[in-house]
Amino acid sequence: MPKILIAEDEPDIRELVALILELDGHTVVQARDGQEAIEKARQERPDLILMDVRMPRMNGYEACEVLKADAQTRDIPVVFLSAKGQAGEVEAGYRAGAIAYLIKPFDAEELLEQIKRTLTHA
């Protein structure tokens, strides 16, 4: 099954998403902030990154831009998971290089369907 990196600073949300993905058969790697997400993406080479926007040390937009500028990680699809659903926030996510933007709260089926769509088109 695909390996998915979850970058989320809220431990409860990160663990919940990890559980959903693991129950669906995915291998999960976790990061607590944008900087750690970049490090883990380079080490682990995930098939997909689920990234929160608002995180310490480096936000999701900045981390996504760094990942997309790096030949080693540029082809890894990024899906933002954020409570910030305003049009400007969503547009910033796509400008940073994401291929999708899910608004929190989302349900497990919605998340798994987005992952399936993303990995099918990657």
N, C-alpha and C. Protein backbone atom coordinates (compact mmCIF):
# COMPACT_ATOMS: atom_id res chain seq x y z
N MET A 1 0.85 -1.19 0.00
CA MET A 1 0.00 0.00 0.00
C MET A 1 0.88 1.24 0.00
N PRO A 2 0.30 2.34 -0.46
CA PRO A 2 1.06 3.59 -0.50
C PRO A 2 1.48 4.08 0.89
N LYS A 3 2.61 4.79 0.89
CA LYS A 3 3.12 5.41 2.10
C LYS A 3 2.65 6.86 2.11
N ILE A 4 2.06 7.29 3.22
CA ILE A 4 1.52 8.65 3.33
C ILE A 4 2.15 9.36 4.52
N LEU A 5 2.63 10.55 4.27
CA LEU A 5 3.19 11.41 5.31
C LEU A 5 2.11 12.36 5.78
N ILE A 6 1.88 12.40 7.09
CA ILE A 6 0.92 13.34 7.68
C ILE A 6 1.71 14.41 8.42
N ALA A 7 1.54 15.65 8.03
CA ALA A 7 2.19 16.78 8.71
C ALA A 7 1.09 17.57 9.41
N GLU A 8 1.03 17.44 10.72
CA GLU A 8 -0.04 18.05 11.53
C GLU A 8 0.50 18.30 12.92
N ASP A 9 0.35 19.53 13.42
CA ASP A 9 0.90 19.85 14.74
C ASP A 9 0.00 19.43 15.89
N GLU A 10 -1.28 19.21 15.65
CA GLU A 10 -2.20 18.78 16.71
C GLU A 10 -2.13 17.26 16.84
N PRO A 11 -1.57 16.76 17.96
CA PRO A 11 -1.38 15.31 18.10
C PRO A 11 -2.66 14.49 17.94
N ASP A 12 -3.77 14.98 18.48
CA ASP A 12 -5.03 14.22 18.39
C ASP A 12 -5.48 14.06 16.94
N ILE A 13 -5.39 15.14 16.16
CA ILE A 13 -5.78 15.08 14.75
C ILE A 13 -4.82 14.19 13.99
N ARG A 14 -3.51 14.37 14.24
CA ARG A 14 -2.50 13.57 13.54
C ARG A 14 -2.73 12.08 13.81
N GLU A 15 -2.97 11.72 15.06
CA GLU A 15 -3.19 10.32 15.41
C GLU A 15 -4.49 9.77 14.81
N LEU A 16 -5.52 10.58 14.78
CA LEU A 16 -6.79 10.14 14.20
C LEU A 16 -6.63 9.87 12.70
N VAL A 17 -6.00 10.80 12.00
CA VAL A 17 -5.78 10.61 10.55
C VAL A 17 -4.90 9.38 10.32
N ALA A 18 -3.86 9.22 11.13
CA ALA A 18 -2.98 8.05 11.00
C ALA A 18 -3.79 6.76 11.19
N LEU A 19 -4.65 6.72 12.18
CA LEU A 19 -5.46 5.54 12.43
C LEU A 19 -6.37 5.23 11.25
N ILE A 20 -7.03 6.24 10.72
CA ILE A 20 -7.90 6.06 9.55
C ILE A 20 -7.11 5.45 8.39
N LEU A 21 -5.93 6.00 8.15
CA LEU A 21 -5.12 5.53 7.03
C LEU A 21 -4.58 4.12 7.26
N GLU A 22 -4.13 3.84 8.49
CA GLU A 22 -3.61 2.52 8.79
C GLU A 22 -4.70 1.45 8.69
N LEU A 23 -5.90 1.78 9.14
CA LEU A 23 -7.01 0.84 9.04
C LEU A 23 -7.37 0.57 7.57
N ASP A 24 -7.05 1.53 6.70
CA ASP A 24 -7.30 1.36 5.27
C ASP A 24 -6.12 0.68 4.58
N GLY A 25 -5.09 0.33 5.35
CA GLY A 25 -3.97 -0.42 4.81
C GLY A 25 -2.75 0.39 4.40
N HIS A 26 -2.76 1.68 4.65
CA HIS A 26 -1.64 2.53 4.26
C HIS A 26 -0.51 2.48 5.29
N THR A 27 0.70 2.71 4.83
CA THR A 27 1.84 2.92 5.70
C THR A 27 1.86 4.41 6.01
N VAL A 28 2.04 4.77 7.28
CA VAL A 28 1.96 6.17 7.69
C VAL A 28 3.25 6.64 8.34
N VAL A 29 3.67 7.82 7.94
CA VAL A 29 4.80 8.52 8.55
C VAL A 29 4.24 9.83 9.09
N GLN A 30 4.68 10.24 10.29
CA GLN A 30 4.12 11.45 10.90
C GLN A 30 5.18 12.53 11.10
N ALA A 31 4.73 13.78 10.94
CA ALA A 31 5.58 14.95 11.20
C ALA A 31 4.76 15.95 11.99
N ARG A 32 5.44 16.70 12.90
CA ARG A 32 4.74 17.64 13.78
C ARG A 32 4.70 19.06 13.26
N ASP A 33 5.48 19.36 12.21
CA ASP A 33 5.50 20.72 11.67
C ASP A 33 6.06 20.69 10.26
N GLY A 34 6.08 21.85 9.61
CA GLY A 34 6.52 21.92 8.23
C GLY A 34 7.97 21.53 8.03
N GLN A 35 8.84 21.94 8.93
CA GLN A 35 10.25 21.61 8.81
C GLN A 35 10.47 20.10 8.91
N GLU A 36 9.82 19.49 9.87
CA GLU A 36 9.93 18.04 10.02
C GLU A 36 9.33 17.31 8.82
N ALA A 37 8.27 17.87 8.24
CA ALA A 37 7.65 17.27 7.06
C ALA A 37 8.64 17.22 5.90
N ILE A 38 9.41 18.28 5.71
CA ILE A 38 10.41 18.31 4.64
C ILE A 38 11.46 17.23 4.88
N GLU A 39 11.95 17.16 6.11
CA GLU A 39 12.97 16.16 6.46
C GLU A 39 12.45 14.75 6.23
N LYS A 40 11.23 14.47 6.70
CA LYS A 40 10.66 13.13 6.57
C LYS A 40 10.36 12.81 5.10
N ALA A 41 9.92 13.80 4.33
CA ALA A 41 9.64 13.57 2.91
C ALA A 41 10.92 13.17 2.18
N ARG A 42 12.02 13.82 2.51
CA ARG A 42 13.30 13.48 1.87
C ARG A 42 13.80 12.11 2.29
N GLN A 43 13.59 11.74 3.55
CA GLN A 43 14.05 10.44 4.06
C GLN A 43 13.16 9.29 3.59
N GLU A 44 11.86 9.49 3.70
CA GLU A 44 10.89 8.40 3.52
C GLU A 44 10.34 8.25 2.10
N ARG A 45 10.42 9.33 1.32
CA ARG A 45 9.89 9.33 -0.05
C ARG A 45 8.44 8.81 -0.10
N PRO A 46 7.52 9.48 0.59
CA PRO A 46 6.12 9.02 0.61
C PRO A 46 5.46 9.16 -0.76
N ASP A 47 4.36 8.46 -0.94
CA ASP A 47 3.59 8.56 -2.17
C ASP A 47 2.67 9.77 -2.17
N LEU A 48 2.40 10.29 -0.97
CA LEU A 48 1.46 11.41 -0.80
C LEU A 48 1.76 12.09 0.53
N ILE A 49 1.55 13.41 0.56
CA ILE A 49 1.70 14.17 1.81
C ILE A 49 0.38 14.84 2.13
N LEU A 50 -0.12 14.62 3.33
CA LEU A 50 -1.28 15.34 3.86
C LEU A 50 -0.71 16.39 4.80
N MET A 51 -0.97 17.67 4.54
CA MET A 51 -0.31 18.73 5.28
C MET A 51 -1.29 19.76 5.81
N ASP A 52 -1.16 20.03 7.11
CA ASP A 52 -1.90 21.12 7.74
C ASP A 52 -1.29 22.43 7.25
N VAL A 53 -2.04 23.50 7.33
CA VAL A 53 -1.53 24.81 6.91
C VAL A 53 -0.84 25.51 8.08
N ARG A 54 -1.52 25.63 9.20
CA ARG A 54 -1.00 26.37 10.35
C ARG A 54 -0.22 25.44 11.27
N MET A 55 1.11 25.53 11.18
CA MET A 55 1.99 24.71 12.02
C MET A 55 3.16 25.57 12.49
N PRO A 56 3.79 25.17 13.61
CA PRO A 56 4.96 25.92 14.10
C PRO A 56 6.19 25.67 13.22
N ARG A 57 7.21 26.46 13.45
CA ARG A 57 8.50 26.43 12.75
C ARG A 57 8.39 26.77 11.27
N MET A 58 7.51 26.13 10.55
CA MET A 58 7.30 26.41 9.13
C MET A 58 5.88 26.00 8.79
N ASN A 59 5.10 26.93 8.21
CA ASN A 59 3.72 26.58 7.91
C ASN A 59 3.65 25.67 6.67
N GLY A 60 2.47 25.16 6.42
CA GLY A 60 2.30 24.21 5.32
C GLY A 60 2.57 24.80 3.96
N TYR A 61 2.19 26.05 3.73
CA TYR A 61 2.46 26.68 2.44
C TYR A 61 3.96 26.75 2.17
N GLU A 62 4.71 27.20 3.18
CA GLU A 62 6.16 27.31 3.03
C GLU A 62 6.79 25.94 2.80
N ALA A 63 6.36 24.95 3.58
CA ALA A 63 6.90 23.60 3.43
C ALA A 63 6.60 23.05 2.04
N CYS A 64 5.40 23.28 1.55
CA CYS A 64 5.02 22.79 0.23
C CYS A 64 5.89 23.45 -0.85
N GLU A 65 6.13 24.74 -0.71
CA GLU A 65 6.97 25.44 -1.69
C GLU A 65 8.39 24.86 -1.70
N VAL A 66 8.93 24.57 -0.52
CA VAL A 66 10.26 23.97 -0.44
C VAL A 66 10.26 22.59 -1.09
N LEU A 67 9.25 21.79 -0.81
CA LEU A 67 9.17 20.45 -1.38
C LEU A 67 9.06 20.50 -2.90
N LYS A 68 8.30 21.44 -3.42
CA LYS A 68 8.10 21.53 -4.87
C LYS A 68 9.33 22.10 -5.58
N ALA A 69 10.19 22.78 -4.86
CA ALA A 69 11.42 23.34 -5.44
C ALA A 69 12.57 22.32 -5.41
N ASP A 70 12.39 21.21 -4.74
CA ASP A 70 13.43 20.20 -4.56
C ASP A 70 13.19 19.05 -5.54
N ALA A 71 14.18 18.76 -6.38
CA ALA A 71 14.04 17.70 -7.38
C ALA A 71 13.71 16.35 -6.73
N GLN A 72 14.17 16.15 -5.51
CA GLN A 72 13.96 14.89 -4.81
C GLN A 72 12.51 14.70 -4.35
N THR A 73 11.78 15.80 -4.13
CA THR A 73 10.43 15.70 -3.57
C THR A 73 9.35 16.38 -4.42
N ARG A 74 9.73 17.01 -5.51
CA ARG A 74 8.75 17.82 -6.27
C ARG A 74 7.57 17.04 -6.82
N ASP A 75 7.76 15.75 -7.08
CA ASP A 75 6.68 14.96 -7.68
C ASP A 75 5.75 14.31 -6.66
N ILE A 76 6.01 14.52 -5.38
CA ILE A 76 5.13 13.95 -4.35
C ILE A 76 3.89 14.85 -4.24
N PRO A 77 2.71 14.31 -4.48
CA PRO A 77 1.51 15.15 -4.37
C PRO A 77 1.25 15.58 -2.93
N VAL A 78 0.81 16.84 -2.78
CA VAL A 78 0.49 17.41 -1.47
C VAL A 78 -0.99 17.75 -1.44
N VAL A 79 -1.67 17.32 -0.37
CA VAL A 79 -3.06 17.68 -0.12
C VAL A 79 -3.09 18.43 1.20
N PHE A 80 -3.61 19.65 1.17
CA PHE A 80 -3.73 20.42 2.41
C PHE A 80 -4.97 20.00 3.17
N LEU A 81 -4.83 19.93 4.50
CA LEU A 81 -5.94 19.69 5.42
C LEU A 81 -5.97 20.91 6.33
N SER A 82 -7.02 21.71 6.24
CA SER A 82 -7.02 22.95 7.02
C SER A 82 -8.42 23.37 7.44
N ALA A 83 -8.47 24.01 8.58
CA ALA A 83 -9.73 24.62 9.03
C ALA A 83 -9.94 25.96 8.32
N LYS A 84 -8.90 26.47 7.69
CA LYS A 84 -8.97 27.74 6.97
C LYS A 84 -9.52 27.49 5.58
N GLY A 85 -10.81 27.76 5.39
CA GLY A 85 -11.44 27.45 4.12
C GLY A 85 -11.78 28.64 3.26
N GLN A 86 -11.31 29.83 3.64
CA GLN A 86 -11.60 31.01 2.83
C GLN A 86 -10.93 30.86 1.47
N ALA A 87 -11.53 31.50 0.46
CA ALA A 87 -11.03 31.38 -0.92
C ALA A 87 -9.55 31.72 -1.01
N GLY A 88 -9.12 32.77 -0.33
CA GLY A 88 -7.72 33.18 -0.38
C GLY A 88 -6.78 32.13 0.18
N GLU A 89 -7.21 31.46 1.24
CA GLU A 89 -6.40 30.40 1.83
C GLU A 89 -6.28 29.21 0.88
N VAL A 90 -7.39 28.84 0.27
CA VAL A 90 -7.39 27.71 -0.66
C VAL A 90 -6.51 28.05 -1.87
N GLU A 91 -6.65 29.26 -2.40
CA GLU A 91 -5.84 29.68 -3.55
C GLU A 91 -4.36 29.66 -3.19
N ALA A 92 -4.01 30.10 -1.99
CA ALA A 92 -2.61 30.08 -1.55
C ALA A 92 -2.08 28.65 -1.52
N GLY A 93 -2.93 27.71 -1.13
CA GLY A 93 -2.52 26.31 -1.11
C GLY A 93 -2.20 25.78 -2.50
N TYR A 94 -3.04 26.13 -3.45
CA TYR A 94 -2.78 25.69 -4.83
C TYR A 94 -1.55 26.39 -5.40
N ARG A 95 -1.38 27.66 -5.10
CA ARG A 95 -0.18 28.40 -5.56
C ARG A 95 1.10 27.79 -4.99
N ALA A 96 1.02 27.28 -3.76
CA ALA A 96 2.19 26.68 -3.12
C ALA A 96 2.55 25.34 -3.75
N GLY A 97 1.60 24.74 -4.49
CA GLY A 97 1.88 23.50 -5.19
C GLY A 97 1.00 22.31 -4.83
N ALA A 98 0.01 22.53 -3.98
CA ALA A 98 -0.89 21.43 -3.60
C ALA A 98 -1.78 21.04 -4.78
N ILE A 99 -2.23 19.79 -4.75
CA ILE A 99 -3.15 19.37 -5.80
C ILE A 99 -4.59 19.27 -5.30
N ALA A 100 -4.76 19.41 -3.98
CA ALA A 100 -6.10 19.40 -3.39
C ALA A 100 -6.06 20.08 -2.03
N TYR A 101 -7.25 20.47 -1.55
CA TYR A 101 -7.37 21.20 -0.30
C TYR A 101 -8.64 20.73 0.38
N LEU A 102 -8.51 20.00 1.48
CA LEU A 102 -9.67 19.52 2.25
C LEU A 102 -9.89 20.41 3.46
N ILE A 103 -11.12 20.78 3.68
CA ILE A 103 -11.47 21.65 4.80
C ILE A 103 -11.83 20.79 6.02
N LYS A 104 -11.21 21.11 7.17
CA LYS A 104 -11.57 20.46 8.43
C LYS A 104 -12.85 21.09 8.95
N PRO A 105 -13.72 20.36 9.58
CA PRO A 105 -13.63 18.91 9.77
C PRO A 105 -14.06 18.16 8.51
N PHE A 106 -13.45 17.05 8.25
CA PHE A 106 -13.82 16.18 7.14
C PHE A 106 -14.07 14.81 7.74
N ASP A 107 -14.80 13.97 7.00
CA ASP A 107 -15.03 12.63 7.55
C ASP A 107 -14.05 11.64 6.90
N ALA A 108 -13.96 10.48 7.48
CA ALA A 108 -12.99 9.47 7.04
C ALA A 108 -13.20 9.09 5.58
N GLU A 109 -14.45 8.93 5.18
CA GLU A 109 -14.73 8.54 3.79
C GLU A 109 -14.27 9.62 2.81
N GLU A 110 -14.50 10.88 3.16
CA GLU A 110 -14.08 11.99 2.31
C GLU A 110 -12.55 12.00 2.18
N LEU A 111 -11.85 11.79 3.29
CA LEU A 111 -10.39 11.76 3.28
C LEU A 111 -9.88 10.61 2.42
N LEU A 112 -10.41 9.42 2.62
CA LEU A 112 -9.96 8.26 1.87
C LEU A 112 -10.26 8.39 0.38
N GLU A 113 -11.40 8.98 0.05
CA GLU A 113 -11.74 9.20 -1.36
C GLU A 113 -10.77 10.19 -2.01
N GLN A 114 -10.41 11.24 -1.29
CA GLN A 114 -9.44 12.22 -1.82
C GLN A 114 -8.08 11.55 -2.03
N ILE A 115 -7.67 10.73 -1.10
CA ILE A 115 -6.40 10.02 -1.23
C ILE A 115 -6.43 9.11 -2.45
N LYS A 116 -7.50 8.37 -2.61
CA LYS A 116 -7.64 7.47 -3.75
C LYS A 116 -7.56 8.24 -5.07
N ARG A 117 -8.31 9.36 -5.16
CA ARG A 117 -8.28 10.20 -6.37
C ARG A 117 -6.87 10.72 -6.64
N THR A 118 -6.22 11.18 -5.59
CA THR A 118 -4.89 11.76 -5.74
C THR A 118 -3.88 10.71 -6.21
N LEU A 119 -3.89 9.56 -5.59
CA LEU A 119 -2.91 8.53 -5.95
C LEU A 119 -3.20 7.93 -7.33
N THR A 120 -4.45 7.92 -7.75
CA THR A 120 -4.81 7.43 -9.06
C THR A 120 -4.29 8.35 -10.16
N HIS A 121 -4.25 9.65 -9.88
CA HIS A 121 -3.83 10.63 -10.88
C HIS A 121 -2.39 11.05 -10.73
N ALA A 122 -1.70 10.54 -9.73
CA ALA A 122 -0.31 10.97 -9.50
C ALA A 122 0.65 10.31 -10.47
